[in-house]
């Protein structure tokens, strides 16, 4: 959750770790959100550069961020509205599928 405005340049970084068993705590990946103008996101192990959010932005002062991962994509929501959907298959990086796509969450 943040109360920083878009255009402030503040960053939100959400690191995700999936522990399958006690011997495996491999980092799955992370999502970085930059509250620039325009706001952007970066998916670790997948993105080559920052990507602008498409469509309507989250306009309320308090922003609650939700990251949802499936076996084929990750989505970013702000105050329960999906503002980005990133299919792992669209990445040019092999590390995207190996870190994000092989484990459903």
N, C-alpha and C. Protein backbone atom coordinates (compact mmCIF):
# COMPACT_ATOMS: atom_id res chain seq x y z
N UNK A 1 0.85 -1.16 0.00
CA UNK A 1 0.00 0.00 0.00
C UNK A 1 0.90 1.22 0.00
N UNK A 2 0.48 2.23 -0.74
CA UNK A 2 1.23 3.48 -0.77
C UNK A 2 0.27 4.66 -0.90
N UNK A 3 0.70 5.80 -0.40
CA UNK A 3 -0.07 7.02 -0.60
C UNK A 3 0.69 7.99 -1.49
N UNK A 4 1.75 7.50 -2.14
CA UNK A 4 2.53 8.34 -3.06
C UNK A 4 1.73 8.57 -4.35
N UNK A 5 1.83 9.77 -4.86
CA UNK A 5 1.12 10.12 -6.09
C UNK A 5 1.88 9.66 -7.33
N UNK A 6 1.13 9.40 -8.42
CA UNK A 6 1.77 9.17 -9.70
C UNK A 6 2.52 10.43 -10.08
N UNK A 7 3.70 10.28 -10.60
CA UNK A 7 4.54 11.41 -10.93
C UNK A 7 5.55 11.74 -9.84
N UNK A 8 5.41 11.08 -8.67
CA UNK A 8 6.32 11.36 -7.55
C UNK A 8 7.68 10.70 -7.73
N UNK A 9 7.74 9.67 -8.58
CA UNK A 9 8.98 8.93 -8.77
C UNK A 9 9.21 7.85 -7.72
N UNK A 10 8.30 7.73 -6.75
CA UNK A 10 8.42 6.68 -5.72
C UNK A 10 8.36 5.31 -6.38
N UNK A 11 9.01 4.35 -5.75
CA UNK A 11 8.99 2.97 -6.27
C UNK A 11 8.45 2.02 -5.23
N UNK A 12 7.71 1.04 -5.71
CA UNK A 12 7.21 -0.06 -4.89
C UNK A 12 7.85 -1.32 -5.46
N UNK A 13 8.49 -2.13 -4.60
CA UNK A 13 9.11 -3.36 -5.05
C UNK A 13 8.53 -4.51 -4.24
N UNK A 14 7.92 -5.45 -4.95
CA UNK A 14 7.33 -6.62 -4.32
C UNK A 14 8.14 -7.84 -4.76
N UNK A 15 8.84 -8.46 -3.83
CA UNK A 15 9.60 -9.66 -4.12
C UNK A 15 8.77 -10.88 -3.78
N UNK A 16 8.78 -11.87 -4.66
CA UNK A 16 7.99 -13.09 -4.46
C UNK A 16 8.92 -14.29 -4.32
N UNK A 17 8.60 -15.12 -3.36
CA UNK A 17 9.39 -16.32 -3.12
C UNK A 17 8.43 -17.47 -2.92
N UNK A 18 8.62 -18.55 -3.67
CA UNK A 18 7.77 -19.72 -3.56
C UNK A 18 8.60 -20.84 -2.95
N UNK A 19 8.21 -21.30 -1.78
CA UNK A 19 8.93 -22.37 -1.13
C UNK A 19 8.13 -23.66 -1.29
N UNK A 20 8.66 -24.55 -2.13
CA UNK A 20 7.98 -25.81 -2.42
C UNK A 20 8.19 -26.81 -1.29
N UNK A 21 9.40 -26.88 -0.78
CA UNK A 21 9.70 -27.71 0.38
C UNK A 21 10.81 -27.03 1.17
N UNK A 22 11.19 -27.59 2.29
CA UNK A 22 12.16 -26.93 3.17
C UNK A 22 13.54 -26.80 2.54
N UNK A 23 13.85 -27.55 1.49
CA UNK A 23 15.14 -27.47 0.83
C UNK A 23 15.13 -26.53 -0.38
N UNK A 24 13.99 -25.95 -0.68
CA UNK A 24 13.87 -25.11 -1.87
C UNK A 24 13.22 -23.78 -1.52
N UNK A 25 14.02 -22.73 -1.47
CA UNK A 25 13.42 -21.40 -1.28
C UNK A 25 13.92 -20.47 -2.37
N UNK A 26 13.84 -20.98 -3.59
CA UNK A 26 14.25 -20.24 -4.77
C UNK A 26 13.36 -19.03 -4.98
N UNK A 27 13.96 -17.89 -5.26
CA UNK A 27 13.18 -16.70 -5.55
C UNK A 27 12.43 -16.87 -6.85
N UNK A 28 11.14 -16.65 -6.83
CA UNK A 28 10.33 -16.74 -8.04
C UNK A 28 10.54 -15.52 -8.91
N UNK A 29 10.50 -14.36 -8.32
CA UNK A 29 10.67 -13.14 -9.08
C UNK A 29 10.17 -11.96 -8.28
N UNK A 30 9.97 -10.88 -8.96
CA UNK A 30 9.49 -9.69 -8.28
C UNK A 30 8.87 -8.73 -9.28
N UNK A 31 8.13 -7.79 -8.73
CA UNK A 31 7.49 -6.77 -9.53
C UNK A 31 7.91 -5.42 -8.95
N UNK A 32 8.36 -4.53 -9.83
CA UNK A 32 8.71 -3.18 -9.42
C UNK A 32 7.73 -2.23 -10.08
N UNK A 33 7.23 -1.30 -9.31
CA UNK A 33 6.30 -0.29 -9.80
C UNK A 33 6.93 1.06 -9.54
N UNK A 34 7.00 1.87 -10.59
CA UNK A 34 7.54 3.22 -10.45
C UNK A 34 6.41 4.22 -10.67
N UNK A 35 6.19 5.05 -9.67
CA UNK A 35 5.11 6.04 -9.74
C UNK A 35 5.59 7.30 -10.44
N UNK A 36 6.07 7.11 -11.65
CA UNK A 36 6.55 8.21 -12.49
C UNK A 36 5.37 8.75 -13.28
N UNK A 37 5.65 9.64 -14.21
CA UNK A 37 4.61 10.15 -15.08
C UNK A 37 5.04 9.93 -16.52
N UNK A 38 4.54 8.89 -17.19
CA UNK A 38 3.49 7.97 -16.76
C UNK A 38 4.05 6.85 -15.86
N UNK A 39 3.19 6.24 -15.04
CA UNK A 39 3.61 5.14 -14.17
C UNK A 39 4.06 3.94 -15.01
N UNK A 40 5.02 3.17 -14.46
CA UNK A 40 5.60 2.03 -15.18
C UNK A 40 5.78 0.85 -14.24
N UNK A 41 5.98 -0.33 -14.84
CA UNK A 41 6.29 -1.52 -14.06
C UNK A 41 7.42 -2.30 -14.71
N UNK A 42 8.03 -3.17 -13.93
CA UNK A 42 9.13 -4.01 -14.38
C UNK A 42 8.96 -5.37 -13.72
N UNK A 43 9.00 -6.45 -14.50
CA UNK A 43 8.87 -7.82 -13.99
C UNK A 43 10.27 -8.43 -13.98
N UNK A 44 10.81 -8.72 -12.80
CA UNK A 44 12.16 -9.27 -12.74
C UNK A 44 12.20 -10.64 -13.42
N UNK A 45 13.30 -10.92 -14.06
CA UNK A 45 13.56 -12.12 -14.85
C UNK A 45 12.79 -12.16 -16.17
N UNK A 46 11.91 -11.19 -16.43
CA UNK A 46 11.10 -11.19 -17.66
C UNK A 46 11.28 -9.93 -18.50
N UNK A 47 11.20 -8.78 -17.86
CA UNK A 47 11.23 -7.51 -18.60
C UNK A 47 12.62 -7.16 -19.08
N UNK A 48 12.68 -6.56 -20.26
CA UNK A 48 13.93 -6.00 -20.75
C UNK A 48 14.04 -4.52 -20.39
N UNK A 49 12.90 -3.89 -20.13
CA UNK A 49 12.86 -2.47 -19.78
C UNK A 49 11.55 -2.19 -19.05
N UNK A 50 11.43 -0.98 -18.52
CA UNK A 50 10.20 -0.57 -17.85
C UNK A 50 9.08 -0.46 -18.88
N UNK A 51 7.84 -0.82 -18.48
CA UNK A 51 6.67 -0.79 -19.34
C UNK A 51 5.62 0.12 -18.72
N UNK A 52 5.04 0.99 -19.53
CA UNK A 52 3.98 1.87 -19.04
C UNK A 52 2.70 1.07 -18.82
N UNK A 53 1.99 1.40 -17.76
CA UNK A 53 0.67 0.80 -17.55
C UNK A 53 -0.26 1.27 -18.65
N UNK A 54 -1.16 0.37 -19.08
CA UNK A 54 -2.14 0.73 -20.10
C UNK A 54 -3.46 1.07 -19.44
N UNK A 55 -4.24 1.90 -20.07
CA UNK A 55 -5.60 2.17 -19.60
C UNK A 55 -5.65 3.07 -18.39
N UNK A 56 -6.76 2.98 -17.70
CA UNK A 56 -7.04 3.85 -16.56
C UNK A 56 -6.08 3.55 -15.41
N UNK A 57 -5.59 4.61 -14.84
CA UNK A 57 -4.69 4.47 -13.69
C UNK A 57 -5.50 4.48 -12.40
N UNK A 58 -4.86 4.06 -11.37
CA UNK A 58 -5.43 4.08 -10.03
C UNK A 58 -5.38 5.52 -9.53
N UNK A 59 -6.53 6.14 -9.32
CA UNK A 59 -6.54 7.58 -9.05
C UNK A 59 -6.70 7.95 -7.57
N UNK A 60 -7.03 7.00 -6.73
CA UNK A 60 -7.23 7.34 -5.33
C UNK A 60 -5.91 7.60 -4.62
N UNK A 61 -5.94 8.36 -3.54
CA UNK A 61 -4.73 8.69 -2.81
C UNK A 61 -4.06 7.43 -2.25
N UNK A 62 -4.83 6.59 -1.56
CA UNK A 62 -4.28 5.34 -1.00
C UNK A 62 -4.40 4.27 -2.08
N UNK A 63 -3.25 3.68 -2.43
CA UNK A 63 -3.22 2.67 -3.48
C UNK A 63 -2.81 1.33 -2.87
N UNK A 64 -3.69 0.35 -2.98
CA UNK A 64 -3.40 -1.00 -2.51
C UNK A 64 -3.06 -1.85 -3.72
N UNK A 65 -1.82 -2.34 -3.74
CA UNK A 65 -1.32 -3.10 -4.89
C UNK A 65 -1.50 -4.59 -4.65
N UNK A 66 -1.96 -5.30 -5.66
CA UNK A 66 -2.12 -6.75 -5.60
C UNK A 66 -1.41 -7.36 -6.81
N UNK A 67 -0.56 -8.34 -6.55
CA UNK A 67 0.13 -9.08 -7.60
C UNK A 67 -0.47 -10.48 -7.63
N UNK A 68 -0.94 -10.89 -8.79
CA UNK A 68 -1.54 -12.22 -8.94
C UNK A 68 -0.75 -13.00 -9.97
N UNK A 69 -0.30 -14.19 -9.57
CA UNK A 69 0.49 -15.05 -10.46
C UNK A 69 -0.29 -16.31 -10.78
N UNK A 70 -0.33 -16.65 -12.07
CA UNK A 70 -0.84 -17.95 -12.50
C UNK A 70 0.33 -18.69 -13.15
N UNK A 71 0.11 -19.85 -13.69
CA UNK A 71 1.19 -20.59 -14.35
C UNK A 71 1.60 -19.95 -15.67
N UNK A 72 0.78 -19.02 -16.20
CA UNK A 72 1.11 -18.43 -17.51
C UNK A 72 1.27 -16.91 -17.51
N UNK A 73 0.93 -16.24 -16.40
CA UNK A 73 1.04 -14.78 -16.40
C UNK A 73 1.10 -14.22 -14.99
N UNK A 74 1.40 -12.94 -14.92
CA UNK A 74 1.31 -12.19 -13.68
C UNK A 74 0.50 -10.93 -13.98
N UNK A 75 -0.37 -10.55 -13.05
CA UNK A 75 -1.15 -9.34 -13.23
C UNK A 75 -0.90 -8.41 -12.05
N UNK A 76 -1.03 -7.11 -12.32
CA UNK A 76 -0.86 -6.07 -11.32
C UNK A 76 -2.19 -5.35 -11.19
N UNK A 77 -2.69 -5.27 -9.96
CA UNK A 77 -3.93 -4.57 -9.70
C UNK A 77 -3.68 -3.45 -8.72
N UNK A 78 -4.43 -2.38 -8.89
CA UNK A 78 -4.41 -1.25 -7.96
C UNK A 78 -5.84 -1.03 -7.49
N UNK A 79 -6.05 -1.15 -6.20
CA UNK A 79 -7.39 -1.01 -5.61
C UNK A 79 -8.40 -1.90 -6.34
N UNK A 80 -8.00 -3.15 -6.56
CA UNK A 80 -8.82 -4.22 -7.15
C UNK A 80 -9.09 -4.08 -8.64
N UNK A 81 -8.45 -3.12 -9.31
CA UNK A 81 -8.60 -2.97 -10.77
C UNK A 81 -7.30 -3.42 -11.44
N UNK A 82 -7.40 -4.41 -12.34
CA UNK A 82 -6.21 -4.88 -13.05
C UNK A 82 -5.75 -3.78 -13.99
N UNK A 83 -4.48 -3.37 -13.81
CA UNK A 83 -3.94 -2.31 -14.66
C UNK A 83 -2.79 -2.81 -15.54
N UNK A 84 -2.38 -4.08 -15.35
CA UNK A 84 -1.38 -4.68 -16.24
C UNK A 84 -1.50 -6.20 -16.16
N UNK A 85 -1.31 -6.83 -17.30
CA UNK A 85 -1.30 -8.29 -17.41
C UNK A 85 -0.07 -8.65 -18.23
N UNK A 86 0.80 -9.51 -17.68
CA UNK A 86 2.04 -9.85 -18.36
C UNK A 86 2.10 -11.36 -18.59
N UNK A 87 1.81 -11.84 -19.82
CA UNK A 87 1.94 -13.27 -20.14
C UNK A 87 3.43 -13.64 -20.25
N UNK A 88 3.85 -14.65 -19.54
CA UNK A 88 5.26 -15.06 -19.55
C UNK A 88 5.75 -15.42 -20.95
N UNK A 89 4.88 -15.96 -21.77
CA UNK A 89 5.26 -16.37 -23.13
C UNK A 89 5.70 -15.20 -23.99
N UNK A 90 5.33 -13.98 -23.63
CA UNK A 90 5.71 -12.81 -24.42
C UNK A 90 7.13 -12.33 -24.15
N UNK A 91 7.75 -12.85 -23.11
CA UNK A 91 9.10 -12.41 -22.77
C UNK A 91 10.12 -13.04 -23.71
N UNK A 92 11.14 -12.27 -24.04
CA UNK A 92 12.24 -12.78 -24.86
C UNK A 92 13.32 -13.43 -24.00
N UNK A 93 13.13 -13.42 -22.69
CA UNK A 93 14.14 -13.94 -21.78
C UNK A 93 13.77 -15.35 -21.31
N UNK A 94 14.71 -16.29 -21.46
CA UNK A 94 14.48 -17.66 -21.01
C UNK A 94 14.21 -17.73 -19.51
N UNK A 95 14.81 -16.81 -18.76
CA UNK A 95 14.66 -16.82 -17.31
C UNK A 95 13.23 -16.53 -16.86
N UNK A 96 12.43 -15.94 -17.72
CA UNK A 96 11.06 -15.61 -17.34
C UNK A 96 10.26 -16.87 -17.03
N UNK A 97 10.22 -17.79 -17.94
CA UNK A 97 9.46 -19.02 -17.73
C UNK A 97 10.08 -19.87 -16.63
N UNK A 98 11.42 -19.93 -16.58
CA UNK A 98 12.05 -20.78 -15.57
C UNK A 98 11.82 -20.25 -14.16
N UNK A 99 11.68 -18.94 -13.97
CA UNK A 99 11.45 -18.40 -12.65
C UNK A 99 9.98 -18.21 -12.31
N UNK A 100 9.16 -17.89 -13.29
CA UNK A 100 7.76 -17.57 -13.02
C UNK A 100 6.78 -18.64 -13.50
N UNK A 101 6.98 -19.17 -14.70
CA UNK A 101 5.94 -19.94 -15.35
C UNK A 101 5.82 -21.39 -14.98
N UNK A 102 6.87 -21.98 -14.45
CA UNK A 102 6.83 -23.42 -14.21
C UNK A 102 6.07 -23.81 -12.95
N UNK A 103 5.88 -22.86 -12.07
CA UNK A 103 5.17 -23.15 -10.81
C UNK A 103 3.90 -22.34 -10.78
N UNK A 104 2.80 -23.00 -10.55
CA UNK A 104 1.55 -22.23 -10.44
C UNK A 104 1.44 -21.70 -9.03
N UNK A 105 0.77 -20.59 -8.91
CA UNK A 105 0.65 -19.98 -7.59
C UNK A 105 -0.71 -19.41 -7.38
